[in-house]
Amino acid sequence: MNHCLDCGAKLSGRLDKKFCDDYCRGHYNNQLNRDKHSRLKEINSILKKNASVLEKFAEKGIITLSRQTLQAAGFDFNFFTHQLSGQQGELYHCCYHYGYHFVSDDELVLKFIPWTNVK
């Protein structure tokens, strides 16, 4: 006899049956997917925080910042959603709809980037 992959109960019925009921099937698959998606959730959390930090500075009208200022606010430069080229060829690193580009090693400029401009 086979046993349920989730709870270990003995199974009866079809020979290829893997779970004793829908609850066990759902629970088992949710456990599998939780492990697979935990890293994605962690990365998305970092991206949301980055976007929030950029948004707070932009709302205050601050568009020129130092790298240290953003890092002190909790910004992580290792994570961004996409990159865009500006009109003068500058490279913008974007976190959702806010982007920044470096004008020197330590100084950067923020820019709001509407989704209509992203292709």
PDB file of N, CA and C in Angstrom:
ATOM      1  N   MET A   1       0.819  -1.190   0.000  1.00  0.00           N
ATOM      2  CA  MET A   1       0.000   0.000   0.000  1.00  0.00           C
ATOM      3  C   MET A   1       0.860   1.250   0.000  1.00  0.00           C
ATOM      4  N   ASN A   2       0.365   2.261  -0.665  1.00  0.00           N
ATOM      5  CA  ASN A   2       1.047   3.545  -0.699  1.00  0.00           C
ATOM      6  C   ASN A   2       0.627   4.402   0.486  1.00  0.00           C
ATOM      7  N   HIS A   3       1.432   5.414   0.745  1.00  0.00           N
ATOM      8  CA  HIS A   3       1.141   6.350   1.820  1.00  0.00           C
ATOM      9  C   HIS A   3       1.075   7.761   1.261  1.00  0.00           C
ATOM     10  N   CYS A   4       0.256   8.596   1.901  1.00  0.00           N
ATOM     11  CA  CYS A   4       0.103   9.998   1.513  1.00  0.00           C
ATOM     12  C   CYS A   4       1.457  10.696   1.611  1.00  0.00           C
ATOM     13  N   LEU A   5       1.811  11.448   0.571  1.00  0.00           N
ATOM     14  CA  LEU A   5       3.091  12.163   0.557  1.00  0.00           C
ATOM     15  C   LEU A   5       3.150  13.266   1.610  1.00  0.00           C
ATOM     16  N   ASP A   6       2.002  13.733   2.081  1.00  0.00           N
ATOM     17  CA  ASP A   6       1.989  14.820   3.046  1.00  0.00           C
ATOM     18  C   ASP A   6       1.898  14.328   4.484  1.00  0.00           C
ATOM     19  N   CYS A   7       0.870  13.575   4.792  1.00  0.00           N
ATOM     20  CA  CYS A   7       0.647  13.187   6.200  1.00  0.00           C
ATOM     21  C   CYS A   7       1.085  11.758   6.514  1.00  0.00           C
ATOM     22  N   GLY A   8       1.344  10.941   5.512  1.00  0.00           N
ATOM     23  CA  GLY A   8       1.808   9.571   5.733  1.00  0.00           C
ATOM     24  C   GLY A   8       0.712   8.546   5.943  1.00  0.00           C
ATOM     25  N   ALA A   9      -0.557   8.960   5.860  1.00  0.00           N
ATOM     26  CA  ALA A   9      -1.668   8.026   6.050  1.00  0.00           C
ATOM     27  C   ALA A   9      -1.690   7.006   4.916  1.00  0.00           C
ATOM     28  N   LYS A  10      -2.200   5.806   5.227  1.00  0.00           N
ATOM     29  CA  LYS A  10      -2.328   4.776   4.195  1.00  0.00           C
ATOM     30  C   LYS A  10      -3.384   5.206   3.188  1.00  0.00           C
ATOM     31  N   LEU A  11      -3.071   4.941   1.923  1.00  0.00           N
ATOM     32  CA  LEU A  11      -3.984   5.322   0.846  1.00  0.00           C
ATOM     33  C   LEU A  11      -4.746   4.107   0.362  1.00  0.00           C
ATOM     34  N   SER A  12      -5.981   4.362  -0.011  1.00  0.00           N
ATOM     35  CA  SER A  12      -6.778   3.303  -0.625  1.00  0.00           C
ATOM     36  C   SER A  12      -7.382   3.867  -1.898  1.00  0.00           C
ATOM     37  N   GLY A  13      -7.737   3.002  -2.802  1.00  0.00           N
ATOM     38  CA  GLY A  13      -8.306   3.455  -4.067  1.00  0.00           C
ATOM     39  C   GLY A  13      -7.331   3.228  -5.201  1.00  0.00           C
ATOM     40  N   ARG A  14      -7.220   4.216  -6.066  1.00  0.00           N
ATOM     41  CA  ARG A  14      -6.355   4.100  -7.239  1.00  0.00           C
ATOM     42  C   ARG A  14      -4.913   3.808  -6.842  1.00  0.00           C
ATOM     43  N   LEU A  15      -4.245   3.028  -7.666  1.00  0.00           N
ATOM     44  CA  LEU A  15      -2.864   2.646  -7.380  1.00  0.00           C
ATOM     45  C   LEU A  15      -1.889   3.827  -7.501  1.00  0.00           C
ATOM     46  N   ASP A  16      -2.240   4.813  -8.354  1.00  0.00           N
ATOM     47  CA  ASP A  16      -1.341   5.951  -8.545  1.00  0.00           C
ATOM     48  C   ASP A  16      -1.687   7.137  -7.645  1.00  0.00           C
ATOM     49  N   LYS A  17      -2.558   6.945  -6.686  1.00  0.00           N
ATOM     50  CA  LYS A  17      -2.964   8.001  -5.770  1.00  0.00           C
ATOM     51  C   LYS A  17      -1.769   8.404  -4.888  1.00  0.00           C
ATOM     52  N   LYS A  18      -1.572   9.731  -4.697  1.00  0.00           N
ATOM     53  CA  LYS A  18      -0.432  10.226  -3.928  1.00  0.00           C
ATOM     54  C   LYS A  18      -0.843  10.898  -2.620  1.00  0.00           C
ATOM     55  N   PHE A  19      -2.076  11.375  -2.533  1.00  0.00           N
ATOM     56  CA  PHE A  19      -2.543  12.113  -1.360  1.00  0.00           C
ATOM     57  C   PHE A  19      -3.885  11.558  -0.905  1.00  0.00           C
ATOM     58  N   CYS A  20      -4.141  11.687   0.401  1.00  0.00           N
ATOM     59  CA  CYS A  20      -5.391  11.143   0.930  1.00  0.00           C
ATOM     60  C   CYS A  20      -6.567  12.084   0.678  1.00  0.00           C
ATOM     61  N   ASP A  21      -6.316  13.397   0.533  1.00  0.00           N
ATOM     62  CA  ASP A  21      -7.413  14.337   0.246  1.00  0.00           C
ATOM     63  C   ASP A  21      -6.849  15.631  -0.340  1.00  0.00           C
ATOM     64  N   ASP A  22      -7.743  16.558  -0.669  1.00  0.00           N
ATOM     65  CA  ASP A  22      -7.335  17.830  -1.267  1.00  0.00           C
ATOM     66  C   ASP A  22      -6.494  18.674  -0.315  1.00  0.00           C
ATOM     67  N   TYR A  23      -6.796  18.608   0.985  1.00  0.00           N
ATOM     68  CA  TYR A  23      -6.016  19.376   1.959  1.00  0.00           C
ATOM     69  C   TYR A  23      -4.541  18.957   1.907  1.00  0.00           C
ATOM     70  N   CYS A  24      -4.294  17.655   1.951  1.00  0.00           N
ATOM     71  CA  CYS A  24      -2.908  17.167   1.924  1.00  0.00           C
ATOM     72  C   CYS A  24      -2.222  17.515   0.612  1.00  0.00           C
ATOM     73  N   ARG A  25      -2.938  17.401  -0.483  1.00  0.00           N
ATOM     74  CA  ARG A  25      -2.361  17.752  -1.786  1.00  0.00           C
ATOM     75  C   ARG A  25      -1.969  19.227  -1.802  1.00  0.00           C
ATOM     76  N   GLY A  26      -2.873  20.091  -1.350  1.00  0.00           N
ATOM     77  CA  GLY A  26      -2.588  21.522  -1.317  1.00  0.00           C
ATOM     78  C   GLY A  26      -1.456  21.867  -0.371  1.00  0.00           C
ATOM     79  N   HIS A  27      -1.479  21.276   0.817  1.00  0.00           N
ATOM     80  CA  HIS A  27      -0.440  21.533   1.807  1.00  0.00           C
ATOM     81  C   HIS A  27       0.933  21.109   1.291  1.00  0.00           C
ATOM     82  N   TYR A  28       1.014  19.940   0.700  1.00  0.00           N
ATOM     83  CA  TYR A  28       2.270  19.419   0.169  1.00  0.00           C
ATOM     84  C   TYR A  28       2.824  20.356  -0.915  1.00  0.00           C
ATOM     85  N   ASN A  29       1.984  20.739  -1.860  1.00  0.00           N
ATOM     86  CA  ASN A  29       2.429  21.603  -2.953  1.00  0.00           C
ATOM     87  C   ASN A  29       2.771  23.012  -2.461  1.00  0.00           C
ATOM     88  N   ASN A  30       2.025  23.508  -1.479  1.00  0.00           N
ATOM     89  CA  ASN A  30       2.356  24.821  -0.916  1.00  0.00           C
ATOM     90  C   ASN A  30       3.721  24.799  -0.241  1.00  0.00           C
ATOM     91  N   GLN A  31       4.037  23.708   0.451  1.00  0.00           N
ATOM     92  CA  GLN A  31       5.348  23.578   1.085  1.00  0.00           C
ATOM     93  C   GLN A  31       6.457  23.570   0.035  1.00  0.00           C
ATOM     94  N   LEU A  32       6.241  22.842  -1.054  1.00  0.00           N
ATOM     95  CA  LEU A  32       7.234  22.813  -2.132  1.00  0.00           C
ATOM     96  C   LEU A  32       7.456  24.203  -2.717  1.00  0.00           C
ATOM     97  N   ASN A  33       6.366  24.892  -3.008  1.00  0.00           N
ATOM     98  CA  ASN A  33       6.451  26.212  -3.637  1.00  0.00           C
ATOM     99  C   ASN A  33       6.983  27.272  -2.686  1.00  0.00           C
ATOM    100  N   ARG A  34       6.736  27.130  -1.391  1.00  0.00           N
ATOM    101  CA  ARG A  34       7.235  28.100  -0.417  1.00  0.00           C
ATOM    102  C   ARG A  34       8.755  28.160  -0.491  1.00  0.00           C
ATOM    103  N   ASP A  35       9.392  27.028  -0.565  1.00  0.00           N
ATOM    104  CA  ASP A  35      10.845  26.992  -0.645  1.00  0.00           C
ATOM    105  C   ASP A  35      11.348  27.593  -1.951  1.00  0.00           C
ATOM    106  N   LYS A  36      10.658  27.294  -3.040  1.00  0.00           N
ATOM    107  CA  LYS A  36      11.067  27.802  -4.348  1.00  0.00           C
ATOM    108  C   LYS A  36      10.922  29.317  -4.433  1.00  0.00           C
ATOM    109  N   HIS A  37       9.872  29.858  -3.822  1.00  0.00           N
ATOM    110  CA  HIS A  37       9.556  31.275  -3.983  1.00  0.00           C
ATOM    111  C   HIS A  37      10.098  32.165  -2.868  1.00  0.00           C
ATOM    112  N   SER A  38      10.705  31.586  -1.846  1.00  0.00           N
ATOM    113  CA  SER A  38      11.174  32.408  -0.730  1.00  0.00           C
ATOM    114  C   SER A  38      12.254  33.396  -1.170  1.00  0.00           C
ATOM    115  N   ARG A  39      13.165  32.983  -2.029  1.00  0.00           N
ATOM    116  CA  ARG A  39      14.213  33.891  -2.518  1.00  0.00           C
ATOM    117  C   ARG A  39      13.615  35.009  -3.363  1.00  0.00           C
ATOM    118  N   LEU A  40      12.596  34.684  -4.175  1.00  0.00           N
ATOM    119  CA  LEU A  40      11.947  35.721  -4.980  1.00  0.00           C
ATOM    120  C   LEU A  40      11.255  36.744  -4.092  1.00  0.00           C
ATOM    121  N   LYS A  41      10.629  36.294  -3.029  1.00  0.00           N
ATOM    122  CA  LYS A  41       9.976  37.209  -2.095  1.00  0.00           C
ATOM    123  C   LYS A  41      10.999  38.112  -1.423  1.00  0.00           C
ATOM    124  N   GLU A  42      12.134  37.552  -1.068  1.00  0.00           N
ATOM    125  CA  GLU A  42      13.199  38.328  -0.435  1.00  0.00           C
ATOM    126  C   GLU A  42      13.720  39.408  -1.391  1.00  0.00           C
ATOM    127  N   ILE A  43      13.949  39.048  -2.637  1.00  0.00           N
ATOM    128  CA  ILE A  43      14.438  40.000  -3.634  1.00  0.00           C
ATOM    129  C   ILE A  43      13.401  41.085  -3.896  1.00  0.00           C
ATOM    130  N   ASN A  44      12.141  40.701  -4.022  1.00  0.00           N
ATOM    131  CA  ASN A  44      11.093  41.687  -4.269  1.00  0.00           C
ATOM    132  C   ASN A  44      10.961  42.646  -3.099  1.00  0.00           C
ATOM    133  N   SER A  45      11.166  42.166  -1.893  1.00  0.00           N
ATOM    134  CA  SER A  45      11.135  43.031  -0.713  1.00  0.00           C
ATOM    135  C   SER A  45      12.251  44.078  -0.784  1.00  0.00           C
ATOM    136  N   ILE A  46      13.430  43.672  -1.197  1.00  0.00           N
ATOM    137  CA  ILE A  46      14.556  44.598  -1.335  1.00  0.00           C
ATOM    138  C   ILE A  46      14.252  45.623  -2.422  1.00  0.00           C
ATOM    139  N   LEU A  47      13.683  45.176  -3.551  1.00  0.00           N
ATOM    140  CA  LEU A  47      13.349  46.091  -4.635  1.00  0.00           C
ATOM    141  C   LEU A  47      12.303  47.116  -4.205  1.00  0.00           C
ATOM    142  N   LYS A  48      11.300  46.671  -3.463  1.00  0.00           N
ATOM    143  CA  LYS A  48      10.269  47.593  -2.974  1.00  0.00           C
ATOM    144  C   LYS A  48      10.867  48.617  -2.021  1.00  0.00           C
ATOM    145  N   LYS A  49      11.767  48.174  -1.152  1.00  0.00           N
ATOM    146  CA  LYS A  49      12.419  49.112  -0.233  1.00  0.00           C
ATOM    147  C   LYS A  49      13.246  50.122  -1.014  1.00  0.00           C
ATOM    148  N   ASN A  50      14.003  49.665  -2.003  1.00  0.00           N
ATOM    149  CA  ASN A  50      14.786  50.579  -2.833  1.00  0.00           C
ATOM    150  C   ASN A  50      13.895  51.622  -3.496  1.00  0.00           C
ATOM    151  N   ALA A  51      12.780  51.185  -4.068  1.00  0.00           N
ATOM    152  CA  ALA A  51      11.858  52.108  -4.728  1.00  0.00           C
ATOM    153  C   ALA A  51      11.282  53.094  -3.720  1.00  0.00           C
ATOM    154  N   SER A  52      10.980  52.614  -2.529  1.00  0.00           N
ATOM    155  CA  SER A  52      10.435  53.478  -1.483  1.00  0.00           C
ATOM    156  C   SER A  52      11.451  54.546  -1.061  1.00  0.00           C
ATOM    157  N   VAL A  53      12.702  54.162  -0.931  1.00  0.00           N
ATOM    158  CA  VAL A  53      13.754  55.120  -0.574  1.00  0.00           C
ATOM    159  C   VAL A  53      13.880  56.188  -1.658  1.00  0.00           C
ATOM    160  N   LEU A  54      13.915  55.767  -2.910  1.00  0.00           N
ATOM    161  CA  LEU A  54      14.013  56.733  -4.014  1.00  0.00           C
ATOM    162  C   LEU A  54      12.795  57.649  -4.044  1.00  0.00           C
ATOM    163  N   GLU A  55      11.626  57.077  -3.817  1.00  0.00           N
ATOM    164  CA  GLU A  55      10.389  57.859  -3.847  1.00  0.00           C
ATOM    165  C   GLU A  55      10.384  58.929  -2.748  1.00  0.00           C
ATOM    166  N   LYS A  56      10.847  58.586  -1.560  1.00  0.00           N
ATOM    167  CA  LYS A  56      10.869  59.552  -0.450  1.00  0.00           C
ATOM    168  C   LYS A  56      11.754  60.752  -0.767  1.00  0.00           C
ATOM    169  N   PHE A  57      12.906  60.498  -1.365  1.00  0.00           N
ATOM    170  CA  PHE A  57      13.776  61.612  -1.735  1.00  0.00           C
ATOM    171  C   PHE A  57      13.162  62.430  -2.862  1.00  0.00           C
ATOM    172  N   ALA A  58      12.563  61.751  -3.836  1.00  0.00           N
ATOM    173  CA  ALA A  58      11.948  62.452  -4.964  1.00  0.00           C
ATOM    174  C   ALA A  58      10.777  63.324  -4.497  1.00  0.00           C
ATOM    175  N   GLU A  59       9.975  62.818  -3.541  1.00  0.00           N
ATOM    176  CA  GLU A  59       8.841  63.590  -3.033  1.00  0.00           C
ATOM    177  C   GLU A  59       9.296  64.847  -2.298  1.00  0.00           C
ATOM    178  N   LYS A  60      10.469  64.797  -1.704  1.00  0.00           N
ATOM    179  CA  LYS A  60      11.029  65.964  -1.012  1.00  0.00           C
ATOM    180  C   LYS A  60      11.699  66.930  -1.993  1.00  0.00           C
ATOM    181  N   GLY A  61      11.739  66.563  -3.267  1.00  0.00           N
ATOM    182  CA  GLY A  61      12.360  67.415  -4.281  1.00  0.00           C
ATOM    183  C   GLY A  61      13.866  67.249  -4.366  1.00  0.00           C
ATOM    184  N   ILE A  62      14.385  66.235  -3.690  1.00  0.00           N
ATOM    185  CA  ILE A  62      15.837  65.992  -3.708  1.00  0.00           C
ATOM    186  C   ILE A  62      16.142  65.086  -4.903  1.00  0.00           C
ATOM    187  N   ILE A  63      16.889  65.607  -5.862  1.00  0.00           N
ATOM    188  CA  ILE A  63      17.196  64.793  -7.038  1.00  0.00           C
ATOM    189  C   ILE A  63      18.682  64.463  -7.166  1.00  0.00           C
ATOM    190  N   THR A  64      19.531  65.189  -6.432  1.00  0.00           N
ATOM    191  CA  THR A  64      20.957  64.899  -6.438  1.00  0.00           C
ATOM    192  C   THR A  64      21.341  64.386  -5.057  1.00  0.00           C
ATOM    193  N   LEU A  65      21.931  63.201  -5.021  1.00  0.00           N
ATOM    194  CA  LEU A  65      22.270  62.542  -3.761  1.00  0.00           C
ATOM    195  C   LEU A  65      23.647  61.920  -3.832  1.00  0.00           C
ATOM    196  N   SER A  66      24.160  61.612  -2.655  1.00  0.00           N
ATOM    197  CA  SER A  66      25.411  60.848  -2.606  1.00  0.00           C
ATOM    198  C   SER A  66      25.082  59.375  -2.399  1.00  0.00           C
ATOM    199  N   ARG A  67      26.006  58.538  -2.767  1.00  0.00           N
ATOM    200  CA  ARG A  67      25.852  57.093  -2.568  1.00  0.00           C
ATOM    201  C   ARG A  67      25.648  56.789  -1.076  1.00  0.00           C
ATOM    202  N   GLN A  68      26.408  57.455  -0.227  1.00  0.00           N
ATOM    203  CA  GLN A  68      26.318  57.213   1.216  1.00  0.00           C
ATOM    204  C   GLN A  68      24.940  57.590   1.769  1.00  0.00           C
ATOM    205  N   THR A  69      24.343  58.653   1.245  1.00  0.00           N
ATOM    206  CA  THR A  69      23.017  59.069   1.711  1.00  0.00           C
ATOM    207  C   THR A  69      21.988  57.983   1.432  1.00  0.00           C
ATOM    208  N   LEU A  70      22.038  57.423   0.235  1.00  0.00           N
ATOM    209  CA  LEU A  70      21.090  56.354  -0.103  1.00  0.00           C
ATOM    210  C   LEU A  70      21.359  55.103   0.720  1.00  0.00           C
ATOM    211  N   GLN A  71      22.607  54.749   0.883  1.00  0.00           N
ATOM    212  CA  GLN A  71      22.936  53.568   1.681  1.00  0.00           C
ATOM    213  C   GLN A  71      22.496  53.737   3.130  1.00  0.00           C
ATOM    214  N   ALA A  72      22.662  54.934   3.679  1.00  0.00           N
ATOM    215  CA  ALA A  72      22.244  55.196   5.052  1.00  0.00           C
ATOM    216  C   ALA A  72      20.722  55.080   5.200  1.00  0.00           C
ATOM    217  N   ALA A  73      19.993  55.326   4.126  1.00  0.00           N
ATOM    218  CA  ALA A  73      18.526  55.213   4.144  1.00  0.00           C
ATOM    219  C   ALA A  73      18.073  53.771   3.912  1.00  0.00           C
ATOM    220  N   GLY A  74      19.027  52.844   3.723  1.00  0.00           N
ATOM    221  CA  GLY A  74      18.687  51.434   3.543  1.00  0.00           C
ATOM    222  C   GLY A  74      18.660  50.968   2.099  1.00  0.00           C
ATOM    223  N   PHE A  75      19.152  51.770   1.185  1.00  0.00           N
ATOM    224  CA  PHE A  75      19.165  51.417  -0.237  1.00  0.00           C
ATOM    225  C   PHE A  75      20.243  50.382  -0.519  1.00  0.00           C
ATOM    226  N   ASP A  76      19.926  49.385  -1.333  1.00  0.00           N
ATOM    227  CA  ASP A  76      20.874  48.343  -1.715  1.00  0.00           C
ATOM    228  C   ASP A  76      21.157  48.459  -3.207  1.00  0.00           C
ATOM    229  N   PHE A  77      22.362  48.886  -3.566  1.00  0.00           N
ATOM    230  CA  PHE A  77      22.726  49.125  -4.960  1.00  0.00           C
ATOM    231  C   PHE A  77      22.856  47.839  -5.778  1.00  0.00           C
ATOM    232  N   ASN A  78      22.832  46.699  -5.142  1.00  0.00           N
ATOM    233  CA  ASN A  78      22.952  45.431  -5.866  1.00  0.00           C
ATOM    234  C   ASN A  78      21.652  45.004  -6.541  1.00  0.00           C
ATOM    235  N   PHE A  79      20.543  45.665  -6.207  1.00  0.00           N
ATOM    236  CA  PHE A  79      19.247  45.228  -6.719  1.00  0.00           C
ATOM    237  C   PHE A  79      18.532  46.363  -7.443  1.00  0.00           C
ATOM    238  N   PHE A  80      18.098  46.083  -8.666  1.00  0.00           N
ATOM    239  CA  PHE A  80      17.292  47.019  -9.440  1.00  0.00           C
ATOM    240  C   PHE A  80      16.452  46.206 -10.417  1.00  0.00           C
ATOM    241  N   THR A  81      15.369  46.799 -10.910  1.00  0.00           N
ATOM    242  CA  THR A  81      14.447  46.051 -11.768  1.00  0.00           C
ATOM    243  C   THR A  81      14.866  46.040 -13.231  1.00  0.00           C
ATOM    244  N   HIS A  82      15.421  47.150 -13.708  1.00  0.00           N
ATOM    245  CA  HIS A  82      15.822  47.217 -15.110  1.00  0.00           C
ATOM    246  C   HIS A  82      16.770  48.397 -15.314  1.00  0.00           C
ATOM    247  N   GLN A  83      17.296  48.501 -16.533  1.00  0.00           N
ATOM    248  CA  GLN A  83      18.179  49.606 -16.896  1.00  0.00           C
ATOM    249  C   GLN A  83      17.637  50.281 -18.143  1.00  0.00           C
ATOM    250  N   LEU A  84      17.821  51.586 -18.215  1.00  0.00           N
ATOM    251  CA  LEU A  84      17.408  52.364 -19.374  1.00  0.00           C
ATOM    252  C   LEU A  84      18.526  53.314 -19.766  1.00  0.00           C
ATOM    253  N   SER A  85      18.568  53.666 -21.036  1.00  0.00           N
ATOM    254  CA  SER A  85      19.512  54.673 -21.505  1.00  0.00           C
ATOM    255  C   SER A  85      18.793  56.007 -21.598  1.00  0.00           C
ATOM    256  N   GLY A  86      19.446  57.061 -21.090  1.00  0.00           N
ATOM    257  CA  GLY A  86      18.892  58.401 -21.165  1.00  0.00           C
ATOM    258  C   GLY A  86      19.150  59.029 -22.519  1.00  0.00           C
ATOM    259  N   GLN A  87      18.666  60.246 -22.687  1.00  0.00           N
ATOM    260  CA  GLN A  87      18.808  60.941 -23.971  1.00  0.00           C
ATOM    261  C   GLN A  87      20.260  61.249 -24.315  1.00  0.00           C
ATOM    262  N   GLN A  88      21.110  61.453 -23.314  1.00  0.00           N
ATOM    263  CA  GLN A  88      22.530  61.716 -23.555  1.00  0.00           C
ATOM    264  C   GLN A  88      23.374  60.451 -23.416  1.00  0.00           C
ATOM    265  N   GLY A  89      22.733  59.302 -23.390  1.00  0.00           N
ATOM    266  CA  GLY A  89      23.443  58.032 -23.308  1.00  0.00           C
ATOM    267  C   GLY A  89      23.765  57.569 -21.896  1.00  0.00           C
ATOM    268  N   GLU A  90      23.298  58.312 -20.889  1.00  0.00           N
ATOM    269  CA  GLU A  90      23.555  57.912 -19.505  1.00  0.00           C
ATOM    270  C   GLU A  90      22.745  56.660 -19.171  1.00  0.00           C
ATOM    271  N   LEU A  91      23.291  55.826 -18.308  1.00  0.00           N
ATOM    272  CA  LEU A  91      22.649  54.570 -17.939  1.00  0.00           C
ATOM    273  C   LEU A  91      21.902  54.745 -16.627  1.00  0.00           C
ATOM    274  N   TYR A  92      20.594  54.528 -16.674  1.00  0.00           N
ATOM    275  CA  TYR A  92      19.757  54.602 -15.480  1.00  0.00           C
ATOM    276  C   TYR A  92      19.529  53.202 -14.931  1.00  0.00           C
ATOM    277  N   HIS A  93      19.772  53.048 -13.641  1.00  0.00           N
ATOM    278  CA  HIS A  93      19.394  51.831 -12.921  1.00  0.00           C
ATOM    279  C   HIS A  93      18.037  52.144 -12.305  1.00  0.00           C
ATOM    280  N   CYS A  94      17.061  51.294 -12.537  1.00  0.00           N
ATOM    281  CA  CYS A  94      15.693  51.590 -12.103  1.00  0.00           C
ATOM    282  C   CYS A  94      15.195  50.597 -11.062  1.00  0.00           C
ATOM    283  N   CYS A  95      14.398  51.122 -10.154  1.00  0.00           N
ATOM    284  CA  CYS A  95      13.642  50.322  -9.200  1.00  0.00           C
ATOM    285  C   CYS A  95      12.192  50.683  -9.453  1.00  0.00           C
ATOM    286  N   TYR A  96      11.540  49.842 -10.243  1.00  0.00           N
ATOM    287  CA  TYR A  96      10.180  50.088 -10.698  1.00  0.00           C
ATOM    288  C   TYR A  96      10.139  51.407 -11.456  1.00  0.00           C
ATOM    289  N   HIS A  97       9.485  52.436 -10.960  1.00  0.00           N
ATOM    290  CA  HIS A  97       9.332  53.653 -11.753  1.00  0.00           C
ATOM    291  C   HIS A  97      10.251  54.798 -11.315  1.00  0.00           C
ATOM    292  N   TYR A  98      11.261  54.505 -10.512  1.00  0.00           N
ATOM    293  CA  TYR A  98      12.279  55.500 -10.175  1.00  0.00           C
ATOM    294  C   TYR A  98      13.626  54.993 -10.650  1.00  0.00           C
ATOM    295  N   GLY A  99      14.408  55.909 -11.215  1.00  0.00           N
ATOM    296  CA  GLY A  99      15.719  55.536 -11.707  1.00  0.00           C
ATOM    297  C   GLY A  99      16.772  56.505 -11.208  1.00  0.00           C
ATOM    298  N   TYR A 100      18.008  56.100 -11.323  1.00  0.00           N
ATOM    299  CA  TYR A 100      19.119  56.957 -10.947  1.00  0.00           C
ATOM    300  C   TYR A 100      20.292  56.665 -11.870  1.00  0.00           C
ATOM    301  N   HIS A 101      21.110  57.673 -12.062  1.00  0.00           N
ATOM    302  CA  HIS A 101      22.361  57.450 -12.784  1.00  0.00           C
ATOM    303  C   HIS A 101      23.469  58.209 -12.072  1.00  0.00           C
ATOM    304  N   PHE A 102      24.657  57.666 -12.140  1.00  0.00           N
ATOM    305  CA  PHE A 102      25.809  58.262 -11.472  1.00  0.00           C
ATOM    306  C   PHE A 102      26.406  59.355 -12.340  1.00  0.00           C
ATOM    307  N   VAL A 103      26.634  60.516 -11.741  1.00  0.00           N
ATOM    308  CA  VAL A 103      27.327  61.602 -12.433  1.00  0.00           C
ATOM    309  C   VAL A 103      28.794  61.633 -12.013  1.00  0.00           C
ATOM    310  N   SER A 104      29.115  60.951 -10.917  1.00  0.00           N
ATOM    311  CA  SER A 104      30.500  60.729 -10.473  1.00  0.00           C
ATOM    312  C   SER A 104      30.489  59.430  -9.674  1.00  0.00           C
ATOM    313  N   ASP A 105      31.637  59.071  -9.112  1.00  0.00           N
ATOM    314  CA  ASP A 105      31.704  57.830  -8.334  1.00  0.00           C
ATOM    315  C   ASP A 105      30.778  57.844  -7.125  1.00  0.00           C
ATOM    316  N   ASP A 106      30.550  59.046  -6.566  1.00  0.00           N
ATOM    317  CA  ASP A 106      29.751  59.132  -5.343  1.00  0.00           C
ATOM    318  C   ASP A 106      28.414  59.845  -5.530  1.00  0.00           C
ATOM    319  N   GLU A 107      28.262  60.633  -6.564  1.00  0.00           N
ATOM    320  CA  GLU A 107      27.056  61.444  -6.741  1.00  0.00           C
ATOM    321  C   GLU A 107      26.141  60.850  -7.811  1.00  0.00           C
ATOM    322  N   LEU A 108      24.841  60.869  -7.521  1.00  0.00           N
ATOM    323  CA  LEU A 108      23.885  60.355  -8.485  1.00  0.00           C
ATOM    324  C   LEU A 108      22.681  61.276  -8.582  1.00  0.00           C
ATOM    325  N   VAL A 109      21.946  61.128  -9.673  1.00  0.00           N
ATOM    326  CA  VAL A 109      20.764  61.940  -9.946  1.00  0.00           C
ATOM    327  C   VAL A 109      19.562  61.019 -10.072  1.00  0.00           C
ATOM    328  N   LEU A 110      18.473  61.388  -9.384  1.00  0.00           N
ATOM    329  CA  LEU A 110      17.224  60.621  -9.437  1.00  0.00           C
ATOM    330  C   LEU A 110      16.340  61.107 -10.563  1.00  0.00           C
ATOM    331  N   LYS A 111      15.504  60.193 -11.046  1.00  0.00           N
ATOM    332  CA  LYS A 111      14.548  60.556 -12.088  1.00  0.00           C
ATOM    333  C   LYS A 111      13.325  59.663 -11.971  1.00  0.00           C
ATOM    334  N   PHE A 112      12.136  60.276 -12.087  1.00  0.00           N
ATOM    335  CA  PHE A 112      10.900  59.520 -12.148  1.00  0.00           C
ATOM    336  C   PHE A 112      10.740  59.025 -13.577  1.00  0.00           C
ATOM    337  N   ILE A 113      10.476  57.744 -13.751  1.00  0.00           N
ATOM    338  CA  ILE A 113      10.365  57.163 -15.093  1.00  0.00           C
ATOM    339  C   ILE A 113       8.988  56.534 -15.232  1.00  0.00           C
ATOM    340  N   PRO A 114       8.078  57.222 -15.924  1.00  0.00           N
ATOM    341  CA  PRO A 114       6.728  56.650 -16.106  1.00  0.00           C
ATOM    342  C   PRO A 114       6.799  55.335 -16.873  1.00  0.00           C
ATOM    343  N   TRP A 115       5.883  54.438 -16.576  1.00  0.00           N
ATOM    344  CA  TRP A 115       5.853  53.126 -17.237  1.00  0.00           C
ATOM    345  C   TRP A 115       5.654  53.260 -18.732  1.00  0.00           C
ATOM    346  N   THR A 116       5.068  54.345 -19.198  1.00  0.00           N
ATOM    347  CA  THR A 116       4.847  54.498 -20.633  1.00  0.00           C
ATOM    348  C   THR A 116       6.154  54.622 -21.392  1.00  0.00           C
ATOM    349  N   ASN A 117       7.245  55.014 -20.714  1.00  0.00           N
ATOM    350  CA  ASN A 117       8.544  55.140 -21.368  1.00  0.00           C
ATOM    351  C   ASN A 117       9.331  53.839 -21.397  1.00  0.00           C
ATOM    352  N   VAL A 118       8.887  52.848 -20.659  1.00  0.00           N
ATOM    353  CA  VAL A 118       9.608  51.579 -20.583  1.00  0.00           C
ATOM    354  C   VAL A 118       9.133  50.670 -21.702  1.00  0.00           C
ATOM    355  N   LYS A 119      10.077  50.191 -22.492  1.00  0.00           N
ATOM    356  CA  LYS A 119       9.714  49.309 -23.614  1.00  0.00           C
ATOM    357  C   LYS A 119      10.323  47.965 -23.434  1.00  0.00           C
TER     358      LYS A 119
END
